[in-house]
C-alpha atoms as a PDB file:
ATOM      1  CA  MET A   1      19.869  34.451 -17.244  1.00  0.00           C
ATOM      2  CA  SER A   2      20.933  33.402 -20.734  1.00  0.00           C
ATOM      3  CA  GLY A   3      23.502  34.247 -23.331  1.00  0.00           C
ATOM      4  CA  ARG A   4      27.122  33.542 -23.967  1.00  0.00           C
ATOM      5  CA  PRO A   5      29.089  32.036 -21.057  1.00  0.00           C
ATOM      6  CA  LEU A   6      31.229  35.134 -20.514  1.00  0.00           C
ATOM      7  CA  ASP A   7      28.076  37.310 -20.498  1.00  0.00           C
ATOM      8  CA  VAL A   8      26.641  35.118 -17.745  1.00  0.00           C
ATOM      9  CA  LEU A   9      29.860  35.471 -15.748  1.00  0.00           C
ATOM     10  CA  GLU A  10      29.806  39.246 -16.243  1.00  0.00           C
ATOM     11  CA  ALA A  11      26.226  39.378 -14.926  1.00  0.00           C
ATOM     12  CA  SER A  12      27.245  37.231 -11.938  1.00  0.00           C
ATOM     13  CA  LEU A  13      30.175  39.397 -10.779  1.00  0.00           C
ATOM     14  CA  GLY A  14      29.802  40.092  -7.076  1.00  0.00           C
ATOM     15  CA  ASP A  15      27.150  37.371  -6.671  1.00  0.00           C
ATOM     16  CA  ARG A  16      27.442  34.081  -4.806  1.00  0.00           C
ATOM     17  CA  VAL A  17      28.210  31.197  -7.196  1.00  0.00           C
ATOM     18  CA  THR A  18      28.795  27.462  -6.878  1.00  0.00           C
ATOM     19  CA  VAL A  19      31.707  26.055  -8.869  1.00  0.00           C
ATOM     20  CA  ARG A  20      31.991  22.298  -9.509  1.00  0.00           C
ATOM     21  CA  LEU A  21      35.393  20.927 -10.526  1.00  0.00           C
ATOM     22  CA  LYS A  22      36.436  17.842 -12.511  1.00  0.00           C
ATOM     23  CA  SER A  23      37.592  16.275  -9.238  1.00  0.00           C
ATOM     24  CA  GLY A  24      34.023  16.468  -7.899  1.00  0.00           C
ATOM     25  CA  ASP A  25      34.903  19.198  -5.387  1.00  0.00           C
ATOM     26  CA  GLU A  26      32.579  22.173  -5.029  1.00  0.00           C
ATOM     27  CA  TYR A  27      33.361  25.694  -3.934  1.00  0.00           C
ATOM     28  CA  VAL A  28      30.847  28.387  -3.046  1.00  0.00           C
ATOM     29  CA  GLY A  29      31.997  31.990  -3.086  1.00  0.00           C
ATOM     30  CA  ASP A  30      31.505  35.507  -4.348  1.00  0.00           C
ATOM     31  CA  LEU A  31      32.637  35.823  -7.977  1.00  0.00           C
ATOM     32  CA  ALA A  32      35.261  38.574  -7.892  1.00  0.00           C
ATOM     33  CA  GLY A  33      36.707  38.119 -11.378  1.00  0.00           C
ATOM     34  CA  TYR A  34      37.300  35.936 -14.397  1.00  0.00           C
ATOM     35  CA  ASP A  35      39.119  35.947 -17.737  1.00  0.00           C
ATOM     36  CA  GLN A  36      38.548  34.665 -21.274  1.00  0.00           C
ATOM     37  CA  HIS A  37      39.849  31.204 -20.228  1.00  0.00           C
ATOM     38  CA  MET A  38      37.202  31.055 -17.475  1.00  0.00           C
ATOM     39  CA  ASN A  39      39.853  31.224 -14.762  1.00  0.00           C
ATOM     40  CA  LEU A  40      37.879  32.368 -11.731  1.00  0.00           C
ATOM     41  CA  VAL A  41      38.600  34.489  -8.674  1.00  0.00           C
ATOM     42  CA  LEU A  42      36.289  33.780  -5.715  1.00  0.00           C
ATOM     43  CA  ASP A  43      36.138  35.678  -2.427  1.00  0.00           C
ATOM     44  CA  ASP A  44      34.818  34.371   0.925  1.00  0.00           C
ATOM     45  CA  VAL A  45      34.981  30.765  -0.256  1.00  0.00           C
ATOM     46  CA  ALA A  46      33.260  27.973   1.636  1.00  0.00           C
ATOM     47  CA  ILE A  47      33.078  24.268   0.895  1.00  0.00           C
ATOM     48  CA  PRO A  48      29.603  22.713   1.132  1.00  0.00           C
ATOM     49  CA  GLY A  49      29.316  20.081   3.848  1.00  0.00           C
ATOM     50  CA  PRO A  50      27.896  16.597   3.397  1.00  0.00           C
ATOM     51  CA  ASP A  51      24.339  17.885   3.861  1.00  0.00           C
ATOM     52  CA  GLY A  52      24.862  20.477   1.107  1.00  0.00           C
ATOM     53  CA  LEU A  53      24.910  23.487   3.437  1.00  0.00           C
ATOM     54  CA  GLU A  54      27.847  25.878   3.422  1.00  0.00           C
ATOM     55  CA  GLU A  55      30.202  25.947   6.346  1.00  0.00           C
ATOM     56  CA  GLU A  56      29.561  29.043   8.445  1.00  0.00           C
ATOM     57  CA  ALA A  57      33.064  30.511   8.305  1.00  0.00           C
ATOM     58  CA  PRO A  58      34.848  31.003   4.975  1.00  0.00           C
ATOM     59  CA  VAL A  59      37.552  28.427   4.317  1.00  0.00           C
ATOM     60  CA  GLU A  60      39.626  30.896   2.294  1.00  0.00           C
ATOM     61  CA  ASP A  61      39.447  34.650   1.761  1.00  0.00           C
ATOM     62  CA  THR A  62      40.378  34.517  -1.934  1.00  0.00           C
ATOM     63  CA  THR A  63      40.675  31.492  -4.208  1.00  0.00           C
ATOM     64  CA  ILE A  64      41.784  31.325  -7.831  1.00  0.00           C
ATOM     65  CA  ILE A  65      40.430  28.391  -9.841  1.00  0.00           C
ATOM     66  CA  ARG A  66      41.964  27.477 -13.176  1.00  0.00           C
ATOM     67  CA  GLY A  67      39.330  27.319 -15.924  1.00  0.00           C
ATOM     68  CA  ASP A  68      40.555  23.924 -17.202  1.00  0.00           C
ATOM     69  CA  ASN A  69      39.306  22.344 -13.949  1.00  0.00           C
ATOM     70  CA  VAL A  70      35.797  23.831 -14.028  1.00  0.00           C
ATOM     71  CA  VAL A  71      32.849  21.613 -14.970  1.00  0.00           C
ATOM     72  CA  SER A  72      30.022  24.008 -14.050  1.00  0.00           C
ATOM     73  CA  ILE A  73      29.340  27.409 -12.528  1.00  0.00           C
ATOM     74  CA  THR A  74      25.922  27.979 -10.999  1.00  0.00           C
ATOM     75  CA  PRO A  75      24.921  31.595 -10.284  1.00  0.00           C
END
């Protein structure tokens, strides 16, 4: 997968992604939407545990992450 960042997000819609924030927190969820500011909408969000595995049950149904806080998005 290569190209412009928004093209990568477009190709990742509906897929499971890992989002790392400036605070060091990580969220894993299904990418439901985004905008030109890289604000993200994730569905079925889980927070990876200390061993790196996702928690079994989603922590939140839908989460909106402001693009200013995002460090990386891994499809």
